[in-house]
């Protein structure tokens, strides 16, 4: 399918906005580029992605695997030659799934955060005279307490996803 050059300009702007968004900080730029293309287009093959992005087949293949594993895209057709056509989930589902994956990654840090926090507290006598100690304790405390809220958001988000995906 051919697109008007203006479509490419709009996609580039969306891609840059996503890449520079705090929501996608720490994510691979290629992942974000391909994700946006699935938001703006109905379906894509690996060959089309290669033509549009200029990325290698290996890079595209890895990113497609990651997107599929995260439940952001799905295979909608496999040709006789084994070529797959992918479609992105609806944009709202994609963004909710991505948000939940970020939250799950944050939740995995809980035990490490608690461990570091406990070390700070147990060494308070030696460390409390250092500049920034109290601030650091507050940051750890805030992060640990936030994880409980993330867990609740994750539970609610998973329920919403089930409802959205059962509407198909």
C-alpha atoms as a PDB file:
ATOM      1  CA  UNK A   1       0.000   0.000   0.000  1.00  0.00           C
ATOM      2  CA  UNK A   2       1.358   3.450  -0.943  1.00  0.00           C
ATOM      3  CA  UNK A   3       1.009   6.393   1.401  1.00  0.00           C
ATOM      4  CA  UNK A   4       1.041  10.102   0.759  1.00  0.00           C
ATOM      5  CA  UNK A   5       4.381  11.684   1.829  1.00  0.00           C
ATOM      6  CA  UNK A   6       2.422  13.744   4.370  1.00  0.00           C
ATOM      7  CA  UNK A   7       1.521  10.494   6.163  1.00  0.00           C
ATOM      8  CA  UNK A   8       5.238   9.760   6.628  1.00  0.00           C
ATOM      9  CA  UNK A   9       5.757  13.241   8.085  1.00  0.00           C
ATOM     10  CA  UNK A  10       2.892  12.750  10.532  1.00  0.00           C
ATOM     11  CA  UNK A  11       4.217   9.307  11.505  1.00  0.00           C
ATOM     12  CA  UNK A  12       7.699  10.756  12.051  1.00  0.00           C
ATOM     13  CA  UNK A  13       6.241  13.396  14.356  1.00  0.00           C
ATOM     14  CA  UNK A  14       4.283  10.786  16.317  1.00  0.00           C
ATOM     15  CA  UNK A  15       7.368   8.568  16.559  1.00  0.00           C
ATOM     16  CA  UNK A  16       9.458  11.458  17.908  1.00  0.00           C
ATOM     17  CA  UNK A  17       6.757  12.316  20.441  1.00  0.00           C
ATOM     18  CA  UNK A  18       6.622   8.715  21.646  1.00  0.00           C
ATOM     19  CA  UNK A  19      10.426   8.345  21.780  1.00  0.00           C
ATOM     20  CA  UNK A  20      10.686  11.537  23.854  1.00  0.00           C
ATOM     21  CA  UNK A  21       7.779  10.599  26.125  1.00  0.00           C
ATOM     22  CA  UNK A  22       8.639   9.573  29.701  1.00  0.00           C
ATOM     23  CA  UNK A  23       6.362   6.573  29.179  1.00  0.00           C
ATOM     24  CA  UNK A  24       8.824   5.113  26.666  1.00  0.00           C
ATOM     25  CA  UNK A  25      12.073   6.190  28.331  1.00  0.00           C
ATOM     26  CA  UNK A  26      14.438   3.290  28.564  1.00  0.00           C
ATOM     27  CA  UNK A  27      12.785   1.495  25.659  1.00  0.00           C
ATOM     28  CA  UNK A  28      14.627   0.701  22.477  1.00  0.00           C
ATOM     29  CA  UNK A  29      14.013   3.351  19.823  1.00  0.00           C
ATOM     30  CA  UNK A  30      13.370   0.646  17.208  1.00  0.00           C
ATOM     31  CA  UNK A  31      10.657  -0.885  19.402  1.00  0.00           C
ATOM     32  CA  UNK A  32       8.933   2.505  19.657  1.00  0.00           C
ATOM     33  CA  UNK A  33       9.230   3.204  15.908  1.00  0.00           C
ATOM     34  CA  UNK A  34       7.663  -0.117  14.974  1.00  0.00           C
ATOM     35  CA  UNK A  35       4.985   0.184  17.662  1.00  0.00           C
ATOM     36  CA  UNK A  36       3.900   3.565  16.258  1.00  0.00           C
ATOM     37  CA  UNK A  37       3.737   2.145  12.739  1.00  0.00           C
ATOM     38  CA  UNK A  38       1.303  -0.486  14.010  1.00  0.00           C
ATOM     39  CA  UNK A  39      -0.763   2.266  15.609  1.00  0.00           C
ATOM     40  CA  UNK A  40      -0.916   4.314  12.405  1.00  0.00           C
ATOM     41  CA  UNK A  41      -1.322   1.492   9.893  1.00  0.00           C
ATOM     42  CA  UNK A  42      -3.770  -1.379   9.641  1.00  0.00           C
ATOM     43  CA  UNK A  43      -1.289  -4.211   9.051  1.00  0.00           C
ATOM     44  CA  UNK A  44       2.355  -4.704   8.120  1.00  0.00           C
ATOM     45  CA  UNK A  45       4.756  -7.417   7.013  1.00  0.00           C
ATOM     46  CA  UNK A  46       8.409  -7.650   7.956  1.00  0.00           C
ATOM     47  CA  UNK A  47       9.314  -6.677   4.373  1.00  0.00           C
ATOM     48  CA  UNK A  48       7.133  -3.542   4.574  1.00  0.00           C
ATOM     49  CA  UNK A  49       8.690  -2.596   7.916  1.00  0.00           C
ATOM     50  CA  UNK A  50      12.162  -3.007   6.414  1.00  0.00           C
ATOM     51  CA  UNK A  51      11.243  -0.748   3.488  1.00  0.00           C
ATOM     52  CA  UNK A  52       9.699   1.917   5.738  1.00  0.00           C
ATOM     53  CA  UNK A  53      12.286   1.943   8.530  1.00  0.00           C
ATOM     54  CA  UNK A  54      15.483   0.900   6.771  1.00  0.00           C
ATOM     55  CA  UNK A  55      16.215  -1.456   9.675  1.00  0.00           C
ATOM     56  CA  UNK A  56      17.769  -4.869   9.124  1.00  0.00           C
ATOM     57  CA  UNK A  57      15.583  -7.966   8.883  1.00  0.00           C
ATOM     58  CA  UNK A  58      17.162  -9.296  12.093  1.00  0.00           C
ATOM     59  CA  UNK A  59      16.351  -6.155  14.063  1.00  0.00           C
ATOM     60  CA  UNK A  60      12.793  -6.089  12.755  1.00  0.00           C
ATOM     61  CA  UNK A  61      12.340  -9.780  13.495  1.00  0.00           C
ATOM     62  CA  UNK A  62      13.496  -9.289  17.108  1.00  0.00           C
ATOM     63  CA  UNK A  63      11.257  -6.270  17.632  1.00  0.00           C
ATOM     64  CA  UNK A  64       8.268  -8.101  16.146  1.00  0.00           C
ATOM     65  CA  UNK A  65       8.895 -11.021  18.514  1.00  0.00           C
ATOM     66  CA  UNK A  66       9.011  -8.605  21.472  1.00  0.00           C
ATOM     67  CA  UNK A  67       5.843  -6.812  20.387  1.00  0.00           C
ATOM     68  CA  UNK A  68       4.031 -10.100  19.850  1.00  0.00           C
ATOM     69  CA  UNK A  69       5.262 -11.501  23.193  1.00  0.00           C
ATOM     70  CA  UNK A  70       4.003  -8.337  24.945  1.00  0.00           C
ATOM     71  CA  UNK A  71       0.589  -8.822  23.299  1.00  0.00           C
ATOM     72  CA  UNK A  72       0.810  -5.559  21.357  1.00  0.00           C
ATOM     73  CA  UNK A  73       0.559  -7.116  17.892  1.00  0.00           C
ATOM     74  CA  UNK A  74      -0.779 -10.351  16.459  1.00  0.00           C
ATOM     75  CA  UNK A  75      -0.230 -12.453  13.351  1.00  0.00           C
ATOM     76  CA  UNK A  76      -3.275 -12.183  11.103  1.00  0.00           C
ATOM     77  CA  UNK A  77      -2.023 -14.108   8.077  1.00  0.00           C
ATOM     78  CA  UNK A  78       0.730 -16.495   7.054  1.00  0.00           C
ATOM     79  CA  UNK A  79       1.349 -16.860   3.333  1.00  0.00           C
ATOM     80  CA  UNK A  80       2.107 -20.161   1.608  1.00  0.00           C
ATOM     81  CA  UNK A  81       5.785 -19.153   1.756  1.00  0.00           C
ATOM     82  CA  UNK A  82       5.544 -18.555   5.511  1.00  0.00           C
ATOM     83  CA  UNK A  83       5.533 -14.757   5.351  1.00  0.00           C
ATOM     84  CA  UNK A  84       3.607 -13.291   8.270  1.00  0.00           C
ATOM     85  CA  UNK A  85       1.328 -10.278   8.223  1.00  0.00           C
ATOM     86  CA  UNK A  86       0.954  -8.551  11.579  1.00  0.00           C
ATOM     87  CA  UNK A  87      -1.711  -6.264  12.944  1.00  0.00           C
ATOM     88  CA  UNK A  88      -1.491  -4.060  15.976  1.00  0.00           C
ATOM     89  CA  UNK A  89      -4.081  -4.407  18.687  1.00  0.00           C
ATOM     90  CA  UNK A  90      -6.372  -1.364  19.003  1.00  0.00           C
ATOM     91  CA  UNK A  91      -4.327   1.668  20.099  1.00  0.00           C
ATOM     92  CA  UNK A  92      -5.970   1.848  23.527  1.00  0.00           C
ATOM     93  CA  UNK A  93      -5.263  -1.819  24.176  1.00  0.00           C
ATOM     94  CA  UNK A  94      -1.670  -1.379  22.979  1.00  0.00           C
ATOM     95  CA  UNK A  95      -1.034   1.552  25.282  1.00  0.00           C
ATOM     96  CA  UNK A  96      -2.704  -0.139  28.248  1.00  0.00           C
ATOM     97  CA  UNK A  97      -0.709  -3.330  27.671  1.00  0.00           C
ATOM     98  CA  UNK A  98       2.512  -1.341  27.357  1.00  0.00           C
ATOM     99  CA  UNK A  99       1.725   0.629  30.532  1.00  0.00           C
ATOM    100  CA  UNK A 100       1.085  -2.605  32.393  1.00  0.00           C
ATOM    101  CA  UNK A 101       4.366  -4.086  31.153  1.00  0.00           C
ATOM    102  CA  UNK A 102       6.215  -1.038  32.525  1.00  0.00           C
ATOM    103  CA  UNK A 103       4.435  -1.452  35.856  1.00  0.00           C
ATOM    104  CA  UNK A 104       5.304  -5.147  36.026  1.00  0.00           C
ATOM    105  CA  UNK A 105       8.972  -4.289  35.407  1.00  0.00           C
ATOM    106  CA  UNK A 106       8.836  -1.704  38.215  1.00  0.00           C
ATOM    107  CA  UNK A 107       7.171  -4.167  40.575  1.00  0.00           C
ATOM    108  CA  UNK A 108      10.071  -6.585  40.063  1.00  0.00           C
ATOM    109  CA  UNK A 109      12.325  -4.052  41.804  1.00  0.00           C
ATOM    110  CA  UNK A 110      10.382  -4.171  45.078  1.00  0.00           C
ATOM    111  CA  UNK A 111      12.627  -6.675  46.885  1.00  0.00           C
ATOM    112  CA  UNK A 112      15.814  -4.857  45.792  1.00  0.00           C
ATOM    113  CA  UNK A 113      14.394  -1.512  46.880  1.00  0.00           C
ATOM    114  CA  UNK A 114      13.407  -2.910  50.272  1.00  0.00           C
ATOM    115  CA  UNK A 115      16.835  -4.491  50.670  1.00  0.00           C
ATOM    116  CA  UNK A 116      18.612  -1.177  49.940  1.00  0.00           C
ATOM    117  CA  UNK A 117      16.174   0.729  52.155  1.00  0.00           C
ATOM    118  CA  UNK A 118      16.791  -1.649  55.060  1.00  0.00           C
ATOM    119  CA  UNK A 119      20.566  -1.238  54.632  1.00  0.00           C
ATOM    120  CA  UNK A 120      20.169   2.530  54.780  1.00  0.00           C
ATOM    121  CA  UNK A 121      18.090   2.296  57.950  1.00  0.00           C
ATOM    122  CA  UNK A 122      20.330  -0.272  59.639  1.00  0.00           C
ATOM    123  CA  UNK A 123      23.395   1.914  58.945  1.00  0.00           C
ATOM    124  CA  UNK A 124      21.658   5.143  59.928  1.00  0.00           C
ATOM    125  CA  UNK A 125      24.189   6.023  62.654  1.00  0.00           C
ATOM    126  CA  UNK A 126      27.104   5.964  60.206  1.00  0.00           C
ATOM    127  CA  UNK A 127      25.258   7.437  57.234  1.00  0.00           C
ATOM    128  CA  UNK A 128      22.896  10.052  58.660  1.00  0.00           C
ATOM    129  CA  UNK A 129      25.604  12.725  58.806  1.00  0.00           C
ATOM    130  CA  UNK A 130      26.164  12.499  55.068  1.00  0.00           C
ATOM    131  CA  UNK A 131      24.491  15.111  52.951  1.00  0.00           C
ATOM    132  CA  UNK A 132      21.457  13.689  51.139  1.00  0.00           C
ATOM    133  CA  UNK A 133      20.919  10.711  53.440  1.00  0.00           C
ATOM    134  CA  UNK A 134      17.462  11.805  54.602  1.00  0.00           C
ATOM    135  CA  UNK A 135      16.433  12.635  51.056  1.00  0.00           C
ATOM    136  CA  UNK A 136      17.575   9.214  49.858  1.00  0.00           C
ATOM    137  CA  UNK A 137      15.590   7.478  52.618  1.00  0.00           C
ATOM    138  CA  UNK A 138      12.489   9.449  51.585  1.00  0.00           C
ATOM    139  CA  UNK A 139      12.946   8.491  47.922  1.00  0.00           C
ATOM    140  CA  UNK A 140      13.249   4.796  48.751  1.00  0.00           C
ATOM    141  CA  UNK A 141      10.243   5.026  51.052  1.00  0.00           C
ATOM    142  CA  UNK A 142       8.211   6.744  48.342  1.00  0.00           C
ATOM    143  CA  UNK A 143       9.187   4.182  45.707  1.00  0.00           C
ATOM    144  CA  UNK A 144       8.394   1.204  47.935  1.00  0.00           C
ATOM    145  CA  UNK A 145       5.006   2.666  48.879  1.00  0.00           C
ATOM    146  CA  UNK A 146       4.256   3.422  45.221  1.00  0.00           C
ATOM    147  CA  UNK A 147       4.672  -0.220  44.269  1.00  0.00           C
ATOM    148  CA  UNK A 148       1.522  -1.101  46.227  1.00  0.00           C
ATOM    149  CA  UNK A 149      -0.396   1.405  44.120  1.00  0.00           C
ATOM    150  CA  UNK A 150       1.169  -0.030  40.972  1.00  0.00           C
ATOM    151  CA  UNK A 151       0.043  -3.516  41.997  1.00  0.00           C
ATOM    152  CA  UNK A 152      -3.543  -2.284  42.326  1.00  0.00           C
ATOM    153  CA  UNK A 153      -3.345  -0.456  38.981  1.00  0.00           C
ATOM    154  CA  UNK A 154      -1.950  -3.620  37.388  1.00  0.00           C
ATOM    155  CA  UNK A 155      -4.830  -5.725  38.743  1.00  0.00           C
ATOM    156  CA  UNK A 156      -7.418  -3.221  37.529  1.00  0.00           C
ATOM    157  CA  UNK A 157      -5.669  -2.879  34.165  1.00  0.00           C
ATOM    158  CA  UNK A 158      -5.618  -6.646  33.660  1.00  0.00           C
ATOM    159  CA  UNK A 159      -9.369  -6.793  34.341  1.00  0.00           C
ATOM    160  CA  UNK A 160     -10.008  -3.995  31.844  1.00  0.00           C
ATOM    161  CA  UNK A 161      -7.874  -5.777  29.229  1.00  0.00           C
ATOM    162  CA  UNK A 162      -9.846  -8.993  29.663  1.00  0.00           C
ATOM    163  CA  UNK A 163     -13.098  -7.098  29.137  1.00  0.00           C
ATOM    164  CA  UNK A 164     -11.750  -5.267  26.078  1.00  0.00           C
ATOM    165  CA  UNK A 165     -10.350  -8.406  24.492  1.00  0.00           C
ATOM    166  CA  UNK A 166     -13.502 -10.415  25.169  1.00  0.00           C
ATOM    167  CA  UNK A 167     -15.524  -7.841  23.187  1.00  0.00           C
ATOM    168  CA  UNK A 168     -13.946  -9.091  19.954  1.00  0.00           C
END
